[in-house]
N, C-alpha and C. Protein backbone atom coordinates (compact mmCIF):
# COMPACT_ATOMS: atom_id res chain seq x y z
N MET A 1 -26.03 -23.79 13.54
CA MET A 1 -25.76 -22.14 13.25
C MET A 1 -26.78 -21.06 12.30
N ARG A 2 -26.80 -20.35 13.09
CA ARG A 2 -27.18 -18.55 12.17
C ARG A 2 -26.43 -18.45 11.47
N VAL A 3 -27.30 -19.16 10.18
CA VAL A 3 -26.08 -17.75 8.88
C VAL A 3 -27.22 -17.22 7.69
N SER A 4 -26.23 -16.06 7.97
CA SER A 4 -27.19 -15.07 6.63
C SER A 4 -25.96 -15.29 4.97
N ILE A 5 -26.81 -14.86 4.45
CA ILE A 5 -26.55 -14.70 3.35
C ILE A 5 -26.10 -13.70 2.59
N TYR A 6 -24.78 -13.39 2.06
CA TYR A 6 -25.21 -12.07 0.82
C TYR A 6 -24.92 -12.06 -0.28
N SER A 7 -26.07 -11.79 -1.12
CA SER A 7 -25.45 -11.42 -2.31
C SER A 7 -26.13 -10.26 -3.25
N ARG A 8 -24.85 -10.64 -4.08
CA ARG A 8 -25.23 -9.09 -5.56
C ARG A 8 -24.69 -9.03 -6.18
N VAL A 9 -25.35 -7.97 -7.46
CA VAL A 9 -25.04 -8.32 -8.66
C VAL A 9 -24.90 -6.36 -8.94
N SER A 10 -24.42 -6.80 -10.57
CA SER A 10 -24.17 -5.29 -10.68
C SER A 10 -25.17 -4.61 -11.37
N THR A 11 -26.05 -4.87 -11.93
CA THR A 11 -27.24 -4.15 -12.40
C THR A 11 -28.37 -4.81 -11.93
N ALA A 12 -29.40 -3.97 -12.74
CA ALA A 12 -30.79 -4.07 -12.68
C ALA A 12 -31.19 -5.54 -13.46
N ASP A 13 -30.07 -5.81 -14.51
CA ASP A 13 -30.89 -6.75 -16.22
C ASP A 13 -29.90 -8.25 -15.48
N GLN A 14 -29.41 -8.24 -14.48
CA GLN A 14 -28.90 -9.13 -13.67
C GLN A 14 -29.79 -10.04 -12.98
N ASP A 15 -29.59 -10.93 -12.72
CA ASP A 15 -30.63 -11.93 -11.20
C ASP A 15 -29.44 -12.54 -10.47
N ASN A 16 -30.30 -12.36 -8.48
CA ASN A 16 -29.38 -13.68 -7.47
C ASN A 16 -30.09 -14.65 -7.96
N GLU A 17 -30.99 -15.21 -8.58
CA GLU A 17 -31.68 -15.96 -7.99
C GLU A 17 -31.01 -17.49 -8.22
N ASN A 18 -29.81 -17.55 -9.31
CA ASN A 18 -28.80 -18.30 -9.02
C ASN A 18 -27.76 -18.16 -7.59
N GLN A 19 -27.30 -17.52 -7.62
CA GLN A 19 -26.89 -16.59 -6.10
C GLN A 19 -28.03 -17.90 -4.95
N LEU A 20 -28.51 -17.25 -5.09
CA LEU A 20 -29.02 -17.41 -4.05
C LEU A 20 -30.01 -19.05 -3.28
N ALA A 21 -30.92 -19.43 -5.00
CA ALA A 21 -30.91 -20.94 -4.10
C ALA A 21 -29.90 -21.51 -4.20
N GLN A 22 -28.24 -21.56 -4.59
CA GLN A 22 -27.66 -22.43 -4.07
C GLN A 22 -27.13 -22.30 -2.72
N LEU A 23 -26.88 -21.28 -2.46
CA LEU A 23 -26.62 -20.39 -1.24
C LEU A 23 -27.66 -21.52 -0.25
N ARG A 24 -28.79 -21.29 -0.38
CA ARG A 24 -29.89 -21.22 0.27
C ARG A 24 -30.26 -23.23 0.63
N GLU A 25 -29.74 -23.94 -0.67
CA GLU A 25 -29.06 -25.01 -0.94
C GLU A 25 -28.00 -25.76 0.39
N TYR A 26 -27.15 -24.97 -0.08
CA TYR A 26 -25.57 -25.52 0.79
C TYR A 26 -26.23 -25.34 2.31
N CYS A 27 -26.53 -24.34 2.79
CA CYS A 27 -27.62 -24.07 4.57
C CYS A 27 -28.14 -25.20 4.49
N GLN A 28 -29.35 -25.63 4.09
CA GLN A 28 -30.04 -26.72 3.93
C GLN A 28 -29.26 -27.77 4.18
N ARG A 29 -28.14 -28.45 3.82
CA ARG A 29 -27.48 -30.02 3.18
C ARG A 29 -26.33 -29.22 4.65
N GLN A 30 -26.29 -27.88 5.02
CA GLN A 30 -24.95 -27.97 6.44
C GLN A 30 -26.22 -28.35 7.66
N GLY A 31 -27.42 -28.50 7.24
CA GLY A 31 -28.42 -27.85 8.72
C GLY A 31 -27.87 -26.49 9.74
N TYR A 32 -28.21 -25.64 8.34
CA TYR A 32 -27.63 -24.67 9.13
C TYR A 32 -28.70 -23.25 9.00
N GLU A 33 -29.43 -22.60 10.15
CA GLU A 33 -30.51 -21.80 9.68
C GLU A 33 -29.84 -20.53 9.01
N VAL A 34 -30.90 -20.34 8.11
CA VAL A 34 -30.90 -19.40 7.38
C VAL A 34 -31.60 -17.80 8.12
N ILE A 35 -31.41 -17.07 8.92
CA ILE A 35 -31.77 -16.08 9.49
C ILE A 35 -31.48 -14.50 8.59
N GLN A 36 -31.08 -14.17 7.85
CA GLN A 36 -31.70 -13.01 6.59
C GLN A 36 -31.03 -13.30 5.71
N GLU A 37 -31.27 -13.27 4.18
CA GLU A 37 -30.55 -12.44 3.44
C GLU A 37 -30.51 -11.78 2.71
N TYR A 38 -29.52 -10.79 2.13
CA TYR A 38 -29.00 -9.47 2.23
C TYR A 38 -28.64 -9.25 0.57
N VAL A 39 -29.76 -9.15 -0.18
CA VAL A 39 -29.19 -8.82 -1.34
C VAL A 39 -28.81 -7.87 -1.73
N ASP A 40 -28.11 -6.61 -2.68
CA ASP A 40 -27.93 -5.85 -3.17
C ASP A 40 -27.65 -5.53 -4.80
N THR A 41 -28.60 -4.74 -5.59
CA THR A 41 -28.01 -4.63 -7.41
C THR A 41 -26.72 -2.78 -6.92
N ALA A 42 -25.53 -3.22 -6.80
CA ALA A 42 -25.15 -2.18 -6.93
C ALA A 42 -23.18 -2.63 -7.45
N SER A 43 -22.60 -2.14 -7.77
CA SER A 43 -21.49 -1.90 -8.03
C SER A 43 -20.71 -2.66 -6.97
N GLY A 44 -19.57 -3.72 -6.75
CA GLY A 44 -19.13 -4.28 -5.41
C GLY A 44 -17.87 -2.76 -5.49
N GLY A 45 -17.81 -2.56 -5.56
CA GLY A 45 -17.00 -0.82 -5.56
C GLY A 45 -17.27 -0.04 -5.10
N LYS A 46 -18.45 -0.01 -4.33
CA LYS A 46 -18.95 1.72 -3.89
C LYS A 46 -19.10 0.93 -2.23
N THR A 47 -19.06 1.94 -1.71
CA THR A 47 -19.39 1.34 -0.19
C THR A 47 -20.50 1.43 0.05
N ASP A 48 -21.24 2.05 -0.52
CA ASP A 48 -22.93 2.90 0.11
C ASP A 48 -24.38 2.21 -0.17
N ARG A 49 -23.50 0.30 -0.58
CA ARG A 49 -24.45 -0.18 -0.79
C ARG A 49 -25.00 -0.87 0.68
N GLN A 50 -26.80 -0.70 0.18
CA GLN A 50 -28.10 -0.54 1.21
C GLN A 50 -27.64 -1.85 2.38
N GLN A 51 -28.42 -3.02 1.37
CA GLN A 51 -28.04 -3.94 1.95
C GLN A 51 -26.73 -4.43 2.40
N PHE A 52 -25.66 -4.35 2.22
CA PHE A 52 -24.28 -4.71 2.67
C PHE A 52 -24.02 -3.46 3.97
N LYS A 53 -24.63 -2.22 4.13
CA LYS A 53 -24.10 -1.96 5.76
C LYS A 53 -24.90 -2.43 6.60
N GLN A 54 -25.92 -2.84 6.37
CA GLN A 54 -27.57 -3.16 7.11
C GLN A 54 -26.48 -4.58 7.92
N MET A 55 -26.09 -5.22 6.37
CA MET A 55 -25.61 -6.91 6.89
C MET A 55 -24.33 -6.40 7.97
N PHE A 56 -23.24 -5.83 7.86
CA PHE A 56 -22.45 -5.20 8.51
C PHE A 56 -23.45 -5.15 10.46
N LEU A 57 -24.14 -4.05 10.28
CA LEU A 57 -24.21 -3.37 10.96
C LEU A 57 -25.17 -4.84 11.86
N ASP A 58 -26.31 -5.75 11.17
CA ASP A 58 -26.47 -6.73 11.92
C ASP A 58 -25.13 -7.79 12.64
N ALA A 59 -24.32 -7.56 11.77
CA ALA A 59 -22.82 -8.50 12.44
C ALA A 59 -22.71 -7.56 13.69
N SER A 60 -22.47 -6.92 14.03
CA SER A 60 -22.24 -6.21 14.61
C SER A 60 -22.66 -6.23 16.00
N GLN A 61 -23.99 -6.43 15.90
CA GLN A 61 -24.80 -6.45 17.26
C GLN A 61 -25.75 -8.09 16.98
N ARG A 62 -24.78 -9.08 16.42
CA ARG A 62 -24.12 -10.83 16.46
C ARG A 62 -25.57 -11.37 15.77
N LYS A 63 -26.00 -10.85 15.11
CA LYS A 63 -27.45 -11.54 14.75
C LYS A 63 -27.81 -12.52 14.24
N PHE A 64 -26.25 -13.30 13.81
CA PHE A 64 -25.95 -14.55 12.50
C PHE A 64 -24.35 -14.96 13.00
N ASP A 65 -24.19 -15.84 12.91
CA ASP A 65 -22.83 -16.75 13.59
C ASP A 65 -21.83 -16.54 12.19
N LEU A 66 -22.12 -16.74 10.67
CA LEU A 66 -21.82 -16.95 10.26
C LEU A 66 -22.63 -15.83 8.69
N LEU A 67 -20.85 -15.70 7.75
CA LEU A 67 -22.19 -14.01 6.75
C LEU A 67 -21.44 -15.88 5.45
N LEU A 68 -22.44 -16.09 4.81
CA LEU A 68 -22.15 -16.68 3.54
C LEU A 68 -22.31 -16.62 2.56
N PHE A 69 -21.48 -16.36 1.10
CA PHE A 69 -21.66 -15.64 0.06
C PHE A 69 -20.70 -16.06 -0.96
N TRP A 70 -21.87 -15.91 -2.69
CA TRP A 70 -21.22 -16.75 -3.55
C TRP A 70 -19.78 -16.44 -3.90
N SER A 71 -19.38 -15.60 -4.15
CA SER A 71 -17.03 -15.53 -3.99
C SER A 71 -17.14 -14.38 -3.66
N LEU A 72 -15.73 -14.22 -3.18
CA LEU A 72 -15.14 -12.83 -2.81
C LEU A 72 -15.70 -11.55 -3.81
N ASP A 73 -15.48 -11.52 -4.68
CA ASP A 73 -16.18 -10.11 -5.47
C ASP A 73 -17.44 -10.51 -5.37
N ARG A 74 -18.54 -11.11 -4.98
CA ARG A 74 -19.41 -10.69 -4.43
C ARG A 74 -19.94 -9.97 -3.27
N LEU A 75 -19.40 -10.69 -2.46
CA LEU A 75 -18.33 -9.37 -1.23
C LEU A 75 -18.33 -7.92 -1.32
N SER A 76 -17.57 -7.86 -2.62
CA SER A 76 -17.03 -6.52 -2.68
C SER A 76 -15.74 -6.98 -3.76
N ARG A 77 -15.44 -5.26 -4.21
CA ARG A 77 -14.73 -5.33 -5.33
C ARG A 77 -13.91 -4.07 -5.31
N GLU A 78 -13.72 -3.68 -3.96
CA GLU A 78 -12.97 -2.59 -3.35
C GLU A 78 -11.72 -2.49 -3.62
N GLY A 79 -11.24 -3.62 -3.43
CA GLY A 79 -9.33 -4.17 -3.08
C GLY A 79 -9.10 -5.02 -2.86
N VAL A 80 -7.82 -5.34 -2.50
CA VAL A 80 -7.58 -6.19 -1.68
C VAL A 80 -8.05 -5.51 0.06
N LEU A 81 -7.38 -4.54 -0.07
CA LEU A 81 -6.65 -3.98 1.42
C LEU A 81 -8.53 -3.30 2.00
N ALA A 82 -9.11 -3.01 0.78
CA ALA A 82 -10.91 -2.23 2.20
C ALA A 82 -12.02 -3.78 2.27
N THR A 83 -11.48 -4.75 0.90
CA THR A 83 -11.86 -6.22 1.38
C THR A 83 -11.17 -7.39 2.84
N LEU A 84 -10.38 -7.16 2.57
CA LEU A 84 -9.61 -7.87 4.32
C LEU A 84 -10.28 -7.12 5.04
N GLN A 85 -10.13 -5.58 5.66
CA GLN A 85 -10.63 -4.81 6.20
C GLN A 85 -11.89 -5.38 6.74
N TYR A 86 -13.10 -5.64 5.47
CA TYR A 86 -14.28 -6.40 6.02
C TYR A 86 -14.09 -7.22 6.15
N LEU A 87 -13.27 -8.70 6.47
CA LEU A 87 -13.52 -9.39 6.21
C LEU A 87 -12.76 -9.60 8.01
N GLN A 88 -12.31 -8.69 8.56
CA GLN A 88 -11.36 -8.36 9.97
C GLN A 88 -12.23 -7.88 10.55
N ARG A 89 -13.20 -6.95 10.00
CA ARG A 89 -14.61 -6.45 10.73
C ARG A 89 -15.44 -7.42 11.62
N LEU A 90 -15.69 -8.58 10.19
CA LEU A 90 -16.96 -9.54 10.78
C LEU A 90 -16.02 -10.39 11.74
N ALA A 91 -14.67 -11.16 11.87
CA ALA A 91 -13.96 -11.82 12.86
C ALA A 91 -13.91 -10.72 14.05
N GLU A 92 -13.54 -10.05 13.96
CA GLU A 92 -13.81 -8.58 14.77
C GLU A 92 -15.74 -9.07 16.15
N TYR A 93 -16.44 -8.89 15.02
CA TYR A 93 -17.50 -9.32 15.73
C TYR A 93 -18.02 -10.74 16.36
N SER A 94 -17.23 -11.43 15.79
CA SER A 94 -16.75 -12.70 16.67
C SER A 94 -17.91 -13.67 14.80
N VAL A 95 -18.10 -13.42 13.90
CA VAL A 95 -18.65 -13.21 12.71
C VAL A 95 -18.57 -14.22 11.66
N GLY A 96 -18.59 -15.32 11.56
CA GLY A 96 -17.14 -16.55 10.27
C GLY A 96 -17.60 -15.83 9.45
N TYR A 97 -17.03 -16.07 8.36
CA TYR A 97 -17.62 -15.93 7.02
C TYR A 97 -17.07 -17.07 6.11
N LYS A 98 -17.61 -17.29 5.00
CA LYS A 98 -17.99 -18.32 3.89
C LYS A 98 -17.91 -17.94 3.04
N SER A 99 -16.80 -18.08 1.88
CA SER A 99 -17.62 -18.38 0.19
C SER A 99 -17.60 -19.36 -0.36
N PHE A 100 -18.97 -19.70 -0.78
CA PHE A 100 -19.44 -21.44 -1.09
C PHE A 100 -18.36 -21.32 -2.22
N THR A 101 -17.50 -21.13 -3.74
CA THR A 101 -17.48 -21.48 -4.75
C THR A 101 -15.56 -21.12 -4.50
N GLU A 102 -15.13 -20.65 -3.30
CA GLU A 102 -14.17 -20.51 -2.90
C GLU A 102 -13.32 -21.11 -1.82
N GLN A 103 -13.50 -23.08 -1.92
CA GLN A 103 -13.22 -23.55 -0.42
C GLN A 103 -12.32 -22.89 0.72
N TYR A 104 -11.12 -22.62 -0.41
CA TYR A 104 -10.42 -22.03 0.93
C TYR A 104 -10.78 -20.22 2.04
N LEU A 105 -11.86 -20.46 1.15
CA LEU A 105 -11.86 -18.45 1.99
C LEU A 105 -12.91 -19.25 2.57
N ASP A 106 -12.64 -19.75 4.32
CA ASP A 106 -13.76 -19.89 5.14
C ASP A 106 -13.17 -19.84 6.40
N SER A 107 -13.25 -19.11 7.40
CA SER A 107 -13.06 -18.14 8.48
C SER A 107 -13.11 -19.70 9.05
N LEU A 108 -13.83 -20.41 9.11
CA LEU A 108 -13.81 -21.66 10.22
C LEU A 108 -13.22 -22.63 9.70
N GLY A 109 -12.18 -22.73 8.07
CA GLY A 109 -11.77 -23.84 7.73
C GLY A 109 -10.12 -23.78 8.25
N PRO A 110 -9.56 -25.14 8.11
CA PRO A 110 -8.27 -25.36 8.44
C PRO A 110 -7.23 -24.06 8.08
N PHE A 111 -7.82 -23.05 6.63
CA PHE A 111 -6.46 -22.06 6.11
C PHE A 111 -6.57 -20.90 6.05
N ARG A 112 -7.07 -20.82 7.24
CA ARG A 112 -7.89 -19.39 7.66
C ARG A 112 -6.78 -18.37 7.80
N GLU A 113 -6.23 -18.87 8.56
CA GLU A 113 -4.59 -17.73 8.93
C GLU A 113 -3.82 -17.68 7.76
N ALA A 114 -3.81 -18.79 6.73
CA ALA A 114 -2.85 -18.56 5.24
C ALA A 114 -3.32 -17.29 4.76
N VAL A 115 -4.60 -18.16 4.59
CA VAL A 115 -5.63 -17.37 3.56
C VAL A 115 -5.90 -15.11 4.15
N LEU A 116 -5.63 -15.28 5.38
CA LEU A 116 -5.84 -13.54 6.08
C LEU A 116 -3.97 -13.83 5.04
N ALA A 117 -3.08 -14.11 5.76
CA ALA A 117 -2.13 -13.62 5.63
C ALA A 117 -1.72 -13.35 4.02
N ILE A 118 -2.12 -13.86 3.31
CA ILE A 118 -1.64 -13.91 1.74
C ILE A 118 -2.53 -12.83 1.63
N LEU A 119 -3.22 -12.49 1.93
CA LEU A 119 -4.63 -11.03 1.39
C LEU A 119 -4.24 -9.96 2.27
N ALA A 120 -3.16 -10.12 3.31
CA ALA A 120 -2.22 -9.16 4.24
C ALA A 120 -1.37 -8.32 3.12
N CYS A 121 -0.72 -9.16 3.15
CA CYS A 121 0.32 -9.79 2.12
C CYS A 121 0.56 -8.59 1.26
N ILE A 122 -1.27 -9.35 0.28
CA ILE A 122 -1.26 -7.99 -0.89
C ILE A 122 -1.65 -6.94 -0.51
N ALA A 123 -2.37 -6.41 0.18
CA ALA A 123 -3.26 -5.30 0.70
C ALA A 123 -1.81 -4.74 1.17
N LYS A 124 -0.54 -4.90 1.47
CA LYS A 124 0.23 -3.92 1.41
C LYS A 124 1.03 -3.71 0.08
N GLN A 125 1.12 -4.59 -0.21
CA GLN A 125 1.76 -4.46 -1.82
C GLN A 125 0.53 -3.56 -2.71
N GLU A 126 -0.87 -3.16 -2.19
CA GLU A 126 -1.19 -2.12 -3.17
C GLU A 126 -2.06 -0.75 -2.65
N ARG A 127 -1.28 -1.44 -0.71
CA ARG A 127 -1.10 0.18 -0.86
C ARG A 127 0.61 1.18 -0.96
N ILE A 128 1.56 0.03 -1.05
CA ILE A 128 2.61 0.74 -1.41
C ILE A 128 2.66 1.32 -3.10
N ARG A 129 1.99 0.41 -3.98
CA ARG A 129 1.88 0.64 -4.86
C ARG A 129 0.41 2.02 -5.39
N LEU A 130 -0.17 2.51 -4.38
CA LEU A 130 -1.11 3.48 -4.57
C LEU A 130 -0.44 4.44 -4.00
N SER A 131 0.47 4.53 -3.36
CA SER A 131 1.76 5.48 -2.75
C SER A 131 2.57 5.56 -4.15
N GLU A 132 2.83 4.69 -4.32
CA GLU A 132 3.91 4.83 -5.31
C GLU A 132 3.06 5.78 -6.65
N ARG A 133 1.88 5.16 -6.98
CA ARG A 133 1.18 6.24 -8.19
C ARG A 133 0.88 7.59 -7.46
N THR A 134 0.75 7.83 -6.27
CA THR A 134 0.07 9.17 -5.86
C THR A 134 1.41 10.43 -5.70
N ARG A 135 2.48 9.31 -5.99
CA ARG A 135 4.30 10.24 -5.83
C ARG A 135 4.73 10.67 -7.03
N ALA A 136 4.22 9.56 -8.53
CA ALA A 136 4.68 9.60 -9.46
C ALA A 136 3.24 10.81 -9.96
N GLY A 137 2.15 11.05 -10.32
CA GLY A 137 1.22 11.44 -9.87
C GLY A 137 1.44 13.30 -10.00
N LEU A 138 2.06 13.62 -8.14
CA LEU A 138 2.10 14.46 -7.90
C LEU A 138 3.39 15.45 -8.59
N ALA A 139 4.48 13.92 -8.82
CA ALA A 139 5.86 14.42 -9.20
C ALA A 139 5.59 15.09 -10.49
N LYS A 140 4.83 14.73 -11.72
CA LYS A 140 4.54 14.67 -12.88
C LYS A 140 3.69 16.32 -13.37
N ALA A 141 3.06 16.78 -12.24
CA ALA A 141 2.09 17.69 -12.24
C ALA A 141 2.88 19.04 -11.78
N LYS A 142 4.08 18.40 -11.13
CA LYS A 142 4.71 19.79 -10.58
C LYS A 142 6.05 20.28 -11.58
N SER A 143 5.72 18.48 -12.16
CA SER A 143 7.11 19.13 -13.74
C SER A 143 6.38 19.58 -14.27
N GLN A 144 4.84 20.31 -14.53
CA GLN A 144 3.94 20.95 -15.21
C GLN A 144 3.46 21.94 -14.96
N GLY A 145 4.28 22.31 -13.22
CA GLY A 145 4.32 23.79 -13.11
C GLY A 145 3.00 24.02 -12.42
N LYS A 146 2.37 23.02 -12.00
CA LYS A 146 1.46 22.72 -10.87
C LYS A 146 1.67 23.27 -9.48
N VAL A 147 1.13 24.08 -8.91
CA VAL A 147 1.74 24.28 -7.52
C VAL A 147 0.24 23.69 -6.69
N PHE A 148 0.85 23.34 -5.45
CA PHE A 148 0.14 22.64 -4.36
C PHE A 148 0.79 23.38 -3.23
N GLY A 149 -0.20 23.21 -2.47
CA GLY A 149 -0.74 24.01 -1.23
C GLY A 149 -1.54 24.96 -0.81
N ARG A 150 -1.43 25.60 0.27
CA ARG A 150 -2.20 27.13 0.16
C ARG A 150 -1.63 28.13 -0.76
N PRO A 151 -2.92 29.07 -1.55
CA PRO A 151 -2.41 29.80 -2.56
C PRO A 151 -1.54 30.86 -1.66
N ARG A 152 0.70 30.87 -2.59
CA ARG A 152 0.86 32.04 -2.06
C ARG A 152 0.19 33.19 -2.17
N SER A 153 0.96 34.42 -0.97
CA SER A 153 0.58 35.32 -1.36
C SER A 153 1.86 36.16 -1.98
N LEU A 154 1.40 37.20 -2.32
CA LEU A 154 2.92 38.37 -2.68
C LEU A 154 3.62 39.16 -2.13
N LYS A 155 4.82 39.14 -1.64
CA LYS A 155 5.38 39.78 -0.51
C LYS A 155 5.18 41.56 -1.69
N PRO A 156 5.31 42.50 -1.23
CA PRO A 156 5.38 43.77 -0.28
C PRO A 156 5.90 44.12 -2.59
N TYR A 157 7.49 43.78 -2.09
CA TYR A 157 8.52 44.05 -3.55
C TYR A 157 7.41 43.18 -4.56
N GLU A 158 6.96 42.22 -4.86
CA GLU A 158 6.27 41.53 -5.92
C GLU A 158 4.58 42.53 -5.96
N LYS A 159 3.86 42.75 -4.84
CA LYS A 159 2.87 43.78 -5.48
C LYS A 159 3.04 44.28 -6.26
N GLU A 160 3.86 45.18 -5.80
CA GLU A 160 4.86 46.70 -6.79
C GLU A 160 4.88 46.27 -8.29
N LYS A 161 5.38 45.56 -8.31
CA LYS A 161 5.50 44.85 -9.86
C LYS A 161 4.56 44.35 -10.36
N ALA A 162 3.59 43.99 -9.64
CA ALA A 162 2.19 43.25 -10.50
C ALA A 162 1.95 44.72 -10.21
N VAL A 163 1.69 46.06 -9.57
CA VAL A 163 1.06 47.58 -9.71
C VAL A 163 1.66 47.57 -11.23
N GLN A 164 2.54 47.54 -11.31
CA GLN A 164 3.46 47.97 -12.79
C GLN A 164 3.10 47.47 -13.95
N LEU A 165 2.81 45.89 -13.54
CA LEU A 165 2.31 45.12 -14.88
C LEU A 165 1.12 45.39 -15.22
N ARG A 166 0.60 45.47 -14.49
CA ARG A 166 -1.28 45.99 -14.65
C ARG A 166 -1.30 47.50 -15.22
N GLU A 167 -0.70 48.23 -14.71
CA GLU A 167 -0.67 49.82 -15.40
C GLU A 167 -0.38 49.47 -17.06
N GLU A 168 1.25 49.09 -16.73
CA GLU A 168 1.54 48.51 -18.34
C GLU A 168 0.58 47.60 -19.89
N GLY A 169 -0.34 47.46 -19.20
CA GLY A 169 -1.70 46.57 -19.93
C GLY A 169 -1.30 45.07 -19.82
N ARG A 170 -0.20 44.46 -19.03
CA ARG A 170 -0.62 43.43 -18.46
C ARG A 170 -1.96 42.90 -17.87
N SER A 171 -1.80 41.04 -18.53
CA SER A 171 -3.56 40.76 -18.43
C SER A 171 -3.20 40.02 -16.81
N TRP A 172 -4.05 39.57 -16.55
CA TRP A 172 -3.71 38.74 -15.15
C TRP A 172 -2.63 37.70 -14.79
N THR A 173 -3.27 36.65 -16.71
CA THR A 173 -2.93 35.92 -16.75
C THR A 173 -1.26 35.70 -16.52
N TYR A 174 -0.73 36.61 -17.37
CA TYR A 174 0.28 37.18 -17.48
C TYR A 174 1.33 37.51 -16.39
N ILE A 175 0.68 38.37 -15.64
CA ILE A 175 1.00 38.58 -14.35
C ILE A 175 1.78 38.06 -13.71
N ALA A 176 0.39 37.06 -13.20
CA ALA A 176 0.25 35.39 -12.40
C ALA A 176 1.79 34.61 -12.95
N LYS A 177 1.61 34.49 -13.75
CA LYS A 177 3.38 33.69 -14.71
C LYS A 177 4.50 34.42 -13.86
N GLN A 178 4.28 35.84 -13.91
CA GLN A 178 5.75 35.85 -13.65
C GLN A 178 6.03 35.93 -12.21
N PHE A 179 5.36 35.34 -11.19
CA PHE A 179 5.44 35.10 -9.87
C PHE A 179 5.00 33.93 -9.71
N ASN A 180 4.81 33.03 -10.53
CA ASN A 180 4.34 31.29 -10.48
C ASN A 180 2.77 31.21 -9.30
N CYS A 181 2.26 31.88 -9.85
CA CYS A 181 0.88 31.73 -8.71
C CYS A 181 -0.44 31.85 -9.90
N HIS A 182 -1.53 31.36 -9.03
CA HIS A 182 -2.83 31.74 -9.93
C HIS A 182 -3.21 33.30 -10.65
N GLN A 183 -3.91 33.38 -10.93
CA GLN A 183 -4.23 35.03 -11.55
C GLN A 183 -4.84 35.51 -9.80
N ASP A 184 -5.71 34.38 -9.13
CA ASP A 184 -6.74 35.11 -8.56
C ASP A 184 -6.14 35.50 -7.11
N THR A 185 -4.68 35.52 -6.97
CA THR A 185 -3.88 35.43 -6.10
C THR A 185 -3.03 37.06 -6.31
N VAL A 186 -3.47 36.80 -7.79
CA VAL A 186 -2.23 37.98 -7.50
C VAL A 186 -3.89 39.68 -7.60
N LYS A 187 -4.81 39.06 -8.25
CA LYS A 187 -5.86 39.89 -7.88
C LYS A 187 -5.96 40.51 -6.38
N ARG A 188 -6.63 39.31 -5.64
CA ARG A 188 -6.51 39.54 -4.69
C ARG A 188 -5.07 40.36 -3.60
N ALA A 189 -4.07 40.39 -4.05
CA ALA A 189 -3.45 40.91 -3.93
C ALA A 189 -3.54 42.66 -3.09
N LEU A 190 -3.79 42.75 -4.86
CA LEU A 190 -4.06 44.10 -5.44
C LEU A 190 -5.15 45.00 -4.49
N GLY A 191 -6.29 43.80 -4.00
CA GLY A 191 -7.11 44.27 -3.59
C GLY A 191 -8.73 44.27 -4.38
N VAL A 192 -8.25 43.97 -5.90
CA VAL A 192 -9.24 43.66 -7.55
C VAL A 192 -10.75 42.54 -7.36
N GLY A 193 -10.13 41.23 -6.02
CA GLY A 193 -11.40 40.00 -5.93
C GLY A 193 -10.56 39.09 -7.10
N ASN A 194 -11.83 39.13 -7.57
CA ASN A 194 -12.23 37.82 -8.70
C ASN A 194 -12.66 39.03 -10.08
N ARG A 195 -12.13 39.87 -10.21
CA ARG A 195 -12.79 40.19 -10.99
C ARG A 195 -11.86 40.34 -12.38
């Protein structure tokens, strides 16, 4: 079996050699042929890891049959949903995956479907929580007077009132508050620009 190894550490003062030595030894014991080693020094929460991207490109070209990594958090720390999508991408490329330290996480093993089902369930809950947090954040921002969407424009009668307020010496901020909009909206309506 043609195997590629993926190893990642977060910072330059950490060393990949411990992971790599054990992964190489495992491959040797199993009689696997190591085709490529992909080694990143980057946060697992980032998608722009150079070797990570190269590994997926090579997987899409079926340059190896199995991806071996130390543990799931070495592959990705982007959350369950993103990690599940990475595993599914490998499966779509007909490339297996195996975690060295997590025996149950093996696309060739008997628990493959069960583990993916659990990860999919967790990913669904993660999406729901993210949606709830987003709605809560929007509600809080709205309650604090934040206006969303395209900047509104002033109606003709509002323009007249804005001109009157400006002639009275009112500030742009004061006028904007009267119409619940940004001061740039008022300036734009009166043809003043952002001065």
